[in-house]
Amino acid sequence: MDEAESPYTPLLRVIQEPYLPMPISVTLKSILTVINIVNIVIGAVYIGQCTGQPLIPYYLIIWGSGSLLLLCLTCLPCGDGREPPRTSLATLCAQGLLLLCLFSFFIAGNVWIYSLFPEPWNIPSTSKWCHRVLYLYAFWITTVCHICIAIMLFSILCIFICFCILKASLPFGSRRDRWPN
């Protein structure tokens, strides 16, 4: 199919190109699937065992379910072998909306988890009590998310600085490669 006849816009073409090699992508998606299933299981097992913040188990269940749905949406484009797979605009919009909801829920979960921070499992009779396994899992999985976000932002910053220092330009951003009208 000729580029002029392609129903996909140039922006979608850039978005749909794979960022990682297939084995790395499959490994990362498998690890994320296991983590999200564990989120759902731990949240379901410990419902009602956190009087200090009863929404923490629901946070784990909804976060795990939403993330699994997002992983499924990223696996939707399947090719027939002749052309690279294409993601529809509707799927991209659904992914964006789901990411926005998960981000909002992540912020709420941070408030719920970190508001109980100084060891809420020591005295079960207090109003801030939470089951030790539930709280520590939620605390550390959220903290690991923060660490991963920080590493990604730092990596992007380093790449940006390298581009600025080397005065390199992205292949789709140069003036000689204008998009066809």
C-alpha atoms as a PDB file:
ATOM      1  CA  MET A   1       0.000   0.000   0.000  1.00  0.00           C
ATOM      2  CA  ASP A   2       1.367   3.384  -1.026  1.00  0.00           C
ATOM      3  CA  GLU A   3       1.876   6.050   1.655  1.00  0.00           C
ATOM      4  CA  ALA A   4      -0.496   8.416  -0.142  1.00  0.00           C
ATOM      5  CA  GLU A   5      -3.278   5.789   0.036  1.00  0.00           C
ATOM      6  CA  SER A   6      -2.666   4.941   3.691  1.00  0.00           C
ATOM      7  CA  PRO A   7      -5.653   5.676   5.957  1.00  0.00           C
ATOM      8  CA  TYR A   8      -3.324   6.327   8.890  1.00  0.00           C
ATOM      9  CA  THR A   9      -2.137   9.808   9.757  1.00  0.00           C
ATOM     10  CA  PRO A  10       1.587  10.488  10.198  1.00  0.00           C
ATOM     11  CA  LEU A  11       1.129  10.942  13.945  1.00  0.00           C
ATOM     12  CA  LEU A  12      -0.480   7.517  14.284  1.00  0.00           C
ATOM     13  CA  ARG A  13       2.343   5.998  12.239  1.00  0.00           C
ATOM     14  CA  VAL A  14       4.874   7.373  14.732  1.00  0.00           C
ATOM     15  CA  ILE A  15       2.831   6.252  17.755  1.00  0.00           C
ATOM     16  CA  GLN A  16       2.356   2.728  16.383  1.00  0.00           C
ATOM     17  CA  GLU A  17       6.010   1.943  15.793  1.00  0.00           C
ATOM     18  CA  PRO A  18       7.299  -0.512  18.412  1.00  0.00           C
ATOM     19  CA  TYR A  19       9.614   0.955  21.041  1.00  0.00           C
ATOM     20  CA  LEU A  20      11.072  -2.294  22.364  1.00  0.00           C
ATOM     21  CA  PRO A  21      12.136  -5.552  20.761  1.00  0.00           C
ATOM     22  CA  MET A  22       9.478  -8.279  20.994  1.00  0.00           C
ATOM     23  CA  PRO A  23      11.230 -10.504  23.624  1.00  0.00           C
ATOM     24  CA  ILE A  24      11.726  -7.559  25.994  1.00  0.00           C
ATOM     25  CA  SER A  25       8.148  -6.398  25.452  1.00  0.00           C
ATOM     26  CA  VAL A  26       6.719  -9.867  26.146  1.00  0.00           C
ATOM     27  CA  THR A  27       8.888 -10.248  29.275  1.00  0.00           C
ATOM     28  CA  LEU A  28       7.862  -6.847  30.672  1.00  0.00           C
ATOM     29  CA  LYS A  29       4.182  -7.473  29.942  1.00  0.00           C
ATOM     30  CA  SER A  30       4.405 -10.884  31.615  1.00  0.00           C
ATOM     31  CA  ILE A  31       6.003  -9.392  34.746  1.00  0.00           C
ATOM     32  CA  LEU A  32       3.378  -6.628  34.870  1.00  0.00           C
ATOM     33  CA  THR A  33       0.598  -9.202  34.441  1.00  0.00           C
ATOM     34  CA  VAL A  34       1.863 -11.217  37.411  1.00  0.00           C
ATOM     35  CA  ILE A  35       2.215  -8.096  39.575  1.00  0.00           C
ATOM     36  CA  ASN A  36      -1.320  -6.955  38.733  1.00  0.00           C
ATOM     37  CA  ILE A  37      -2.783 -10.398  39.444  1.00  0.00           C
ATOM     38  CA  VAL A  38      -1.014 -10.330  42.829  1.00  0.00           C
ATOM     39  CA  ASN A  39      -2.506  -6.846  43.422  1.00  0.00           C
ATOM     40  CA  ILE A  40      -5.993  -8.228  42.825  1.00  0.00           C
ATOM     41  CA  VAL A  41      -5.431 -11.309  44.995  1.00  0.00           C
ATOM     42  CA  ILE A  42      -3.952  -9.423  47.960  1.00  0.00           C
ATOM     43  CA  GLY A  43      -6.654  -6.770  47.752  1.00  0.00           C
ATOM     44  CA  ALA A  44      -9.395  -9.413  47.653  1.00  0.00           C
ATOM     45  CA  VAL A  45      -7.934 -11.507  50.488  1.00  0.00           C
ATOM     46  CA  TYR A  46      -7.565  -8.561  52.863  1.00  0.00           C
ATOM     47  CA  ILE A  47     -10.859  -6.699  52.238  1.00  0.00           C
ATOM     48  CA  GLY A  48     -12.091  -5.352  55.556  1.00  0.00           C
ATOM     49  CA  GLN A  49      -8.762  -5.777  57.328  1.00  0.00           C
ATOM     50  CA  CYS A  50      -7.673  -2.161  57.230  1.00  0.00           C
ATOM     51  CA  THR A  51      -9.786  -0.010  59.518  1.00  0.00           C
ATOM     52  CA  GLY A  52      -7.390   2.917  59.184  1.00  0.00           C
ATOM     53  CA  GLN A  53      -8.091   3.219  55.460  1.00  0.00           C
ATOM     54  CA  PRO A  54     -10.647   0.674  54.211  1.00  0.00           C
ATOM     55  CA  LEU A  55     -10.147   1.759  50.585  1.00  0.00           C
ATOM     56  CA  ILE A  56      -6.603   0.333  50.311  1.00  0.00           C
ATOM     57  CA  PRO A  57      -7.762  -3.206  49.344  1.00  0.00           C
ATOM     58  CA  TYR A  58     -10.135  -1.720  46.763  1.00  0.00           C
ATOM     59  CA  TYR A  59      -7.285   0.420  45.468  1.00  0.00           C
ATOM     60  CA  LEU A  60      -5.210  -2.712  44.875  1.00  0.00           C
ATOM     61  CA  ILE A  61      -8.108  -4.535  43.191  1.00  0.00           C
ATOM     62  CA  ILE A  62      -9.072  -1.654  40.907  1.00  0.00           C
ATOM     63  CA  TRP A  63      -5.453  -0.736  40.138  1.00  0.00           C
ATOM     64  CA  GLY A  64      -4.676  -4.361  39.227  1.00  0.00           C
ATOM     65  CA  SER A  65      -7.830  -4.790  37.127  1.00  0.00           C
ATOM     66  CA  GLY A  66      -7.384  -1.491  35.286  1.00  0.00           C
ATOM     67  CA  SER A  67      -3.736  -2.225  34.586  1.00  0.00           C
ATOM     68  CA  LEU A  68      -4.599  -5.689  33.251  1.00  0.00           C
ATOM     69  CA  LEU A  69      -7.199  -4.113  30.984  1.00  0.00           C
ATOM     70  CA  LEU A  70      -4.603  -1.615  29.758  1.00  0.00           C
ATOM     71  CA  LEU A  71      -2.149  -4.462  29.091  1.00  0.00           C
ATOM     72  CA  CYS A  72      -4.847  -6.249  27.087  1.00  0.00           C
ATOM     73  CA  LEU A  73      -5.462  -3.094  25.068  1.00  0.00           C
ATOM     74  CA  THR A  74      -1.751  -2.860  24.257  1.00  0.00           C
ATOM     75  CA  CYS A  75      -1.843  -6.439  22.966  1.00  0.00           C
ATOM     76  CA  LEU A  76      -4.833  -5.796  20.680  1.00  0.00           C
ATOM     77  CA  PRO A  77      -3.067  -4.915  17.442  1.00  0.00           C
ATOM     78  CA  CYS A  78      -2.325  -8.204  15.750  1.00  0.00           C
ATOM     79  CA  GLY A  79      -0.853  -8.386  12.287  1.00  0.00           C
ATOM     80  CA  ASP A  80      -1.438 -10.961   9.611  1.00  0.00           C
ATOM     81  CA  GLY A  81       2.291 -11.233   8.952  1.00  0.00           C
ATOM     82  CA  ARG A  82       2.275  -9.216   5.733  1.00  0.00           C
ATOM     83  CA  GLU A  83       1.949  -5.732   7.295  1.00  0.00           C
ATOM     84  CA  PRO A  84       2.903  -4.435  10.707  1.00  0.00           C
ATOM     85  CA  PRO A  85      -0.082  -4.365  13.066  1.00  0.00           C
ATOM     86  CA  ARG A  86      -2.011  -1.103  13.364  1.00  0.00           C
ATOM     87  CA  THR A  87      -3.840   0.207  16.395  1.00  0.00           C
ATOM     88  CA  SER A  88      -7.145   1.903  15.705  1.00  0.00           C
ATOM     89  CA  LEU A  89      -7.820   5.437  16.848  1.00  0.00           C
ATOM     90  CA  ALA A  90     -10.611   4.153  19.111  1.00  0.00           C
ATOM     91  CA  THR A  91      -8.162   1.805  20.868  1.00  0.00           C
ATOM     92  CA  LEU A  92      -5.657   4.617  21.329  1.00  0.00           C
ATOM     93  CA  CYS A  93      -8.380   6.841  22.805  1.00  0.00           C
ATOM     94  CA  ALA A  94      -9.495   4.034  25.142  1.00  0.00           C
ATOM     95  CA  GLN A  95      -5.880   3.542  26.262  1.00  0.00           C
ATOM     96  CA  GLY A  96      -5.509   7.272  26.909  1.00  0.00           C
ATOM     97  CA  LEU A  97      -8.753   7.468  28.883  1.00  0.00           C
ATOM     98  CA  LEU A  98      -7.827   4.396  30.920  1.00  0.00           C
ATOM     99  CA  LEU A  99      -4.372   5.843  31.618  1.00  0.00           C
ATOM    100  CA  LEU A 100      -5.962   9.076  32.823  1.00  0.00           C
ATOM    101  CA  CYS A 101      -8.311   7.155  35.147  1.00  0.00           C
ATOM    102  CA  LEU A 102      -5.462   4.982  36.467  1.00  0.00           C
ATOM    103  CA  PHE A 103      -3.311   8.061  37.068  1.00  0.00           C
ATOM    104  CA  SER A 104      -6.110   9.741  39.024  1.00  0.00           C
ATOM    105  CA  PHE A 105      -6.693   6.583  41.023  1.00  0.00           C
ATOM    106  CA  PHE A 106      -2.935   6.270  41.645  1.00  0.00           C
ATOM    107  CA  ILE A 107      -2.908   9.751  43.176  1.00  0.00           C
ATOM    108  CA  ALA A 108      -5.852   8.821  45.428  1.00  0.00           C
ATOM    109  CA  GLY A 109      -4.125   5.575  46.429  1.00  0.00           C
ATOM    110  CA  ASN A 110      -1.008   7.500  47.384  1.00  0.00           C
ATOM    111  CA  VAL A 111      -3.069   9.661  49.732  1.00  0.00           C
ATOM    112  CA  TRP A 112      -4.732   6.610  51.292  1.00  0.00           C
ATOM    113  CA  ILE A 113      -1.517   4.632  51.739  1.00  0.00           C
ATOM    114  CA  TYR A 114       0.895   7.341  52.848  1.00  0.00           C
ATOM    115  CA  SER A 115      -1.627   8.885  55.284  1.00  0.00           C
ATOM    116  CA  LEU A 116      -1.159   5.776  57.479  1.00  0.00           C
ATOM    117  CA  PHE A 117       2.621   5.703  57.122  1.00  0.00           C
ATOM    118  CA  PRO A 118       4.134   5.209  60.601  1.00  0.00           C
ATOM    119  CA  GLU A 119       3.521   1.479  61.142  1.00  0.00           C
ATOM    120  CA  PRO A 120      -0.287   1.120  61.252  1.00  0.00           C
ATOM    121  CA  TRP A 121      -0.123  -2.626  62.040  1.00  0.00           C
ATOM    122  CA  ASN A 122       1.359  -2.485  65.565  1.00  0.00           C
ATOM    123  CA  ILE A 123      -1.788  -1.811  67.600  1.00  0.00           C
ATOM    124  CA  PRO A 124      -4.960  -3.401  66.160  1.00  0.00           C
ATOM    125  CA  SER A 125      -7.243  -1.390  68.458  1.00  0.00           C
ATOM    126  CA  THR A 126      -6.208   2.003  67.056  1.00  0.00           C
ATOM    127  CA  SER A 127      -8.188   3.814  64.398  1.00  0.00           C
ATOM    128  CA  LYS A 128      -5.183   3.742  62.013  1.00  0.00           C
ATOM    129  CA  TRP A 129      -4.759  -0.054  62.091  1.00  0.00           C
ATOM    130  CA  CYS A 130      -4.145  -1.968  58.851  1.00  0.00           C
ATOM    131  CA  HIS A 131      -3.123  -5.584  58.297  1.00  0.00           C
ATOM    132  CA  ARG A 132       0.669  -5.783  58.032  1.00  0.00           C
ATOM    133  CA  VAL A 133       0.836  -7.766  54.761  1.00  0.00           C
ATOM    134  CA  LEU A 134      -1.784  -5.614  53.049  1.00  0.00           C
ATOM    135  CA  TYR A 135      -0.234  -2.330  54.099  1.00  0.00           C
ATOM    136  CA  LEU A 136       3.378  -3.259  53.397  1.00  0.00           C
ATOM    137  CA  TYR A 137       2.504  -4.683  49.991  1.00  0.00           C
ATOM    138  CA  ALA A 138       0.465  -1.601  49.019  1.00  0.00           C
ATOM    139  CA  PHE A 139       3.163   0.704  50.407  1.00  0.00           C
ATOM    140  CA  TRP A 140       6.045  -0.971  48.580  1.00  0.00           C
ATOM    141  CA  ILE A 141       4.253  -1.533  45.276  1.00  0.00           C
ATOM    142  CA  THR A 142       3.328   2.167  45.257  1.00  0.00           C
ATOM    143  CA  THR A 143       6.857   3.184  46.223  1.00  0.00           C
ATOM    144  CA  VAL A 144       8.301   0.986  43.449  1.00  0.00           C
ATOM    145  CA  CYS A 145       5.954   2.739  40.987  1.00  0.00           C
ATOM    146  CA  HIS A 146       7.369   6.079  42.143  1.00  0.00           C
ATOM    147  CA  ILE A 147      10.927   4.793  41.710  1.00  0.00           C
ATOM    148  CA  CYS A 148      10.162   3.524  38.179  1.00  0.00           C
ATOM    149  CA  ILE A 149       8.564   6.843  37.222  1.00  0.00           C
ATOM    150  CA  ALA A 150      11.614   8.702  38.563  1.00  0.00           C
ATOM    151  CA  ILE A 151      13.993   6.445  36.604  1.00  0.00           C
ATOM    152  CA  MET A 152      11.983   6.956  33.402  1.00  0.00           C
ATOM    153  CA  LEU A 153      11.900  10.733  33.850  1.00  0.00           C
ATOM    154  CA  PHE A 154      15.624  10.818  34.600  1.00  0.00           C
ATOM    155  CA  SER A 155      16.339   8.704  31.501  1.00  0.00           C
ATOM    156  CA  ILE A 156      14.229  10.983  29.326  1.00  0.00           C
ATOM    157  CA  LEU A 157      16.004  14.015  30.764  1.00  0.00           C
ATOM    158  CA  CYS A 158      19.411  12.456  30.024  1.00  0.00           C
ATOM    159  CA  ILE A 159      18.383  11.637  26.456  1.00  0.00           C
ATOM    160  CA  PHE A 160      17.079  15.177  25.989  1.00  0.00           C
ATOM    161  CA  ILE A 161      20.345  16.648  27.313  1.00  0.00           C
ATOM    162  CA  CYS A 162      22.331  14.374  24.982  1.00  0.00           C
ATOM    163  CA  PHE A 163      20.240  15.551  22.024  1.00  0.00           C
ATOM    164  CA  CYS A 164      20.792  19.164  23.007  1.00  0.00           C
ATOM    165  CA  ILE A 165      24.537  18.699  23.478  1.00  0.00           C
ATOM    166  CA  LEU A 166      24.979  16.827  20.220  1.00  0.00           C
ATOM    167  CA  LYS A 167      22.530  19.136  18.434  1.00  0.00           C
ATOM    168  CA  ALA A 168      20.816  16.073  17.053  1.00  0.00           C
ATOM    169  CA  SER A 169      17.299  16.132  15.756  1.00  0.00           C
ATOM    170  CA  LEU A 170      14.673  13.446  15.734  1.00  0.00           C
ATOM    171  CA  PRO A 171      14.138  11.853  12.313  1.00  0.00           C
ATOM    172  CA  PHE A 172      10.526  13.034  12.091  1.00  0.00           C
ATOM    173  CA  GLY A 173      11.302  16.555  13.294  1.00  0.00           C
ATOM    174  CA  SER A 174      13.709  17.769  10.634  1.00  0.00           C
ATOM    175  CA  ARG A 175      12.673  20.220   7.937  1.00  0.00           C
ATOM    176  CA  ARG A 176      13.735  18.013   5.047  1.00  0.00           C
ATOM    177  CA  ASP A 177      11.270  15.276   6.073  1.00  0.00           C
ATOM    178  CA  ARG A 178       8.001  17.172   5.842  1.00  0.00           C
ATOM    179  CA  TRP A 179       4.770  15.241   6.085  1.00  0.00           C
ATOM    180  CA  PRO A 180       2.779  14.997   2.858  1.00  0.00           C
ATOM    181  CA  ASN A 181      -0.352  17.163   2.759  1.00  0.00           C
END
